[in-house]
């Protein structure tokens, strides 16, 4: 895969986010969560990640139903990202939809933050 193809793919994904990605982005954008700066649909190595906070080396993924068929691929991807000193948090769409408070708490905990600072 070429870098141009990956960057084009990331751009396409930013233009057409899933409902759950939009919901997460509403929480993460503009330093709304613990003053952490997140970017969305970013190329990291040979992958496009949903959300990344570079300062905390933290990647947040919204996992739709297609991820159930990609367990081995996701594991290899996460292993590579971890080898690059990133922490990867994966949240199923159902959790983003109905238990976003758990998602927020997990992201803050991974970054060593709390809601108050």
Protein backbone atom coordinates (compact mmCIF):
# COMPACT_ATOMS: atom_id res chain seq x y z
CA UNK A 1 0.00 0.00 0.00
CA UNK A 2 1.33 3.39 -0.90
CA UNK A 3 1.35 6.36 1.44
CA UNK A 4 -0.81 8.26 -1.04
CA UNK A 5 -3.42 5.50 -1.00
CA UNK A 6 -3.47 5.43 2.83
CA UNK A 7 -3.81 9.20 3.11
CA UNK A 8 -6.58 9.21 0.52
CA UNK A 9 -8.35 6.43 2.43
CA UNK A 10 -8.05 8.35 5.70
CA UNK A 11 -9.52 11.43 4.00
CA UNK A 12 -12.44 9.36 2.67
CA UNK A 13 -13.04 7.92 6.15
CA UNK A 14 -13.07 11.41 7.69
CA UNK A 15 -15.74 12.45 5.17
CA UNK A 16 -18.02 9.46 5.88
CA UNK A 17 -17.78 8.49 9.56
CA UNK A 18 -20.07 5.92 11.10
CA UNK A 19 -22.69 7.06 13.61
CA UNK A 20 -20.52 5.75 16.46
CA UNK A 21 -17.41 7.49 15.13
CA UNK A 22 -19.37 10.76 14.99
CA UNK A 23 -20.52 10.19 18.55
CA UNK A 24 -16.96 9.53 19.76
CA UNK A 25 -15.62 12.51 17.83
CA UNK A 26 -18.19 14.77 19.55
CA UNK A 27 -16.65 13.66 22.86
CA UNK A 28 -12.98 13.79 21.81
CA UNK A 29 -12.73 16.82 19.53
CA UNK A 30 -11.49 20.28 20.53
CA UNK A 31 -9.76 19.01 23.68
CA UNK A 32 -13.16 18.34 25.28
CA UNK A 33 -11.95 15.27 27.16
CA UNK A 34 -9.28 15.93 29.77
CA UNK A 35 -7.73 18.62 27.54
CA UNK A 36 -6.34 15.84 25.30
CA UNK A 37 -5.87 16.67 21.62
CA UNK A 38 -7.26 13.87 19.47
CA UNK A 39 -7.10 13.62 15.70
CA UNK A 40 -9.37 11.36 13.68
CA UNK A 41 -8.69 8.93 10.84
CA UNK A 42 -4.92 9.31 11.03
CA UNK A 43 -2.28 7.26 9.23
CA UNK A 44 0.04 5.53 11.70
CA UNK A 45 2.56 3.35 9.92
CA UNK A 46 0.62 1.25 7.44
CA UNK A 47 -2.71 1.65 9.23
CA UNK A 48 -5.46 4.24 9.51
CA UNK A 49 -6.55 4.60 13.14
CA UNK A 50 -9.92 6.03 14.15
CA UNK A 51 -8.66 8.47 16.81
CA UNK A 52 -5.22 9.20 18.20
CA UNK A 53 -3.83 11.40 20.94
CA UNK A 54 -0.13 11.64 20.09
CA UNK A 55 0.87 13.21 23.41
CA UNK A 56 -0.43 10.19 25.32
CA UNK A 57 0.35 7.69 22.52
CA UNK A 58 -3.28 6.59 22.81
CA UNK A 59 -5.41 5.16 19.98
CA UNK A 60 -9.18 4.79 20.31
CA UNK A 61 -11.02 2.48 17.90
CA UNK A 62 -14.77 2.19 17.29
CA UNK A 63 -15.38 -1.45 16.36
CA UNK A 64 -18.34 -2.14 14.14
CA UNK A 65 -19.73 -5.58 13.28
CA UNK A 66 -17.11 -6.24 10.58
CA UNK A 67 -14.43 -6.50 13.28
CA UNK A 68 -15.90 -9.82 14.43
CA UNK A 69 -14.58 -11.31 11.18
CA UNK A 70 -11.20 -9.60 11.47
CA UNK A 71 -9.99 -10.76 14.89
CA UNK A 72 -6.59 -11.99 13.66
CA UNK A 73 -6.03 -8.88 11.55
CA UNK A 74 -6.98 -6.58 14.44
CA UNK A 75 -4.69 -8.50 16.81
CA UNK A 76 -1.73 -8.17 14.42
CA UNK A 77 -2.53 -4.49 13.89
CA UNK A 78 -2.76 -3.84 17.64
CA UNK A 79 0.49 -5.72 18.23
CA UNK A 80 2.29 -3.55 15.68
CA UNK A 81 0.81 -0.35 17.11
CA UNK A 82 1.78 -1.46 20.63
CA UNK A 83 5.32 -2.14 19.40
CA UNK A 84 5.37 1.53 18.35
CA UNK A 85 4.57 2.54 21.97
CA UNK A 86 0.87 3.19 21.41
CA UNK A 87 -1.91 1.95 23.67
CA UNK A 88 -4.95 0.78 21.74
CA UNK A 89 -8.45 0.91 23.19
CA UNK A 90 -11.22 -0.82 21.25
CA UNK A 91 -14.87 -0.18 21.94
CA UNK A 92 -17.73 -2.06 20.29
CA UNK A 93 -20.38 0.15 18.73
CA UNK A 94 -22.95 -1.07 21.24
CA UNK A 95 -20.86 0.25 24.14
CA UNK A 96 -20.35 3.61 22.42
CA UNK A 97 -24.12 3.81 21.84
CA UNK A 98 -25.43 2.82 25.25
CA UNK A 99 -22.59 3.10 27.76
CA UNK A 100 -20.50 6.05 26.62
CA UNK A 101 -19.71 6.91 30.24
CA UNK A 102 -17.68 3.67 30.40
CA UNK A 103 -15.87 4.60 27.20
CA UNK A 104 -15.01 8.04 28.59
CA UNK A 105 -13.79 6.56 31.88
CA UNK A 106 -11.59 4.01 30.09
CA UNK A 107 -10.03 6.66 27.85
CA UNK A 108 -9.31 8.93 30.80
CA UNK A 109 -7.85 6.06 32.82
CA UNK A 110 -5.59 5.02 29.94
CA UNK A 111 -4.26 8.56 29.73
CA UNK A 112 -3.86 8.79 33.50
CA UNK A 113 -6.50 11.51 33.68
CA UNK A 114 -9.72 12.13 35.53
CA UNK A 115 -12.76 14.17 34.58
CA UNK A 116 -11.52 16.98 36.81
CA UNK A 117 -8.11 17.24 35.25
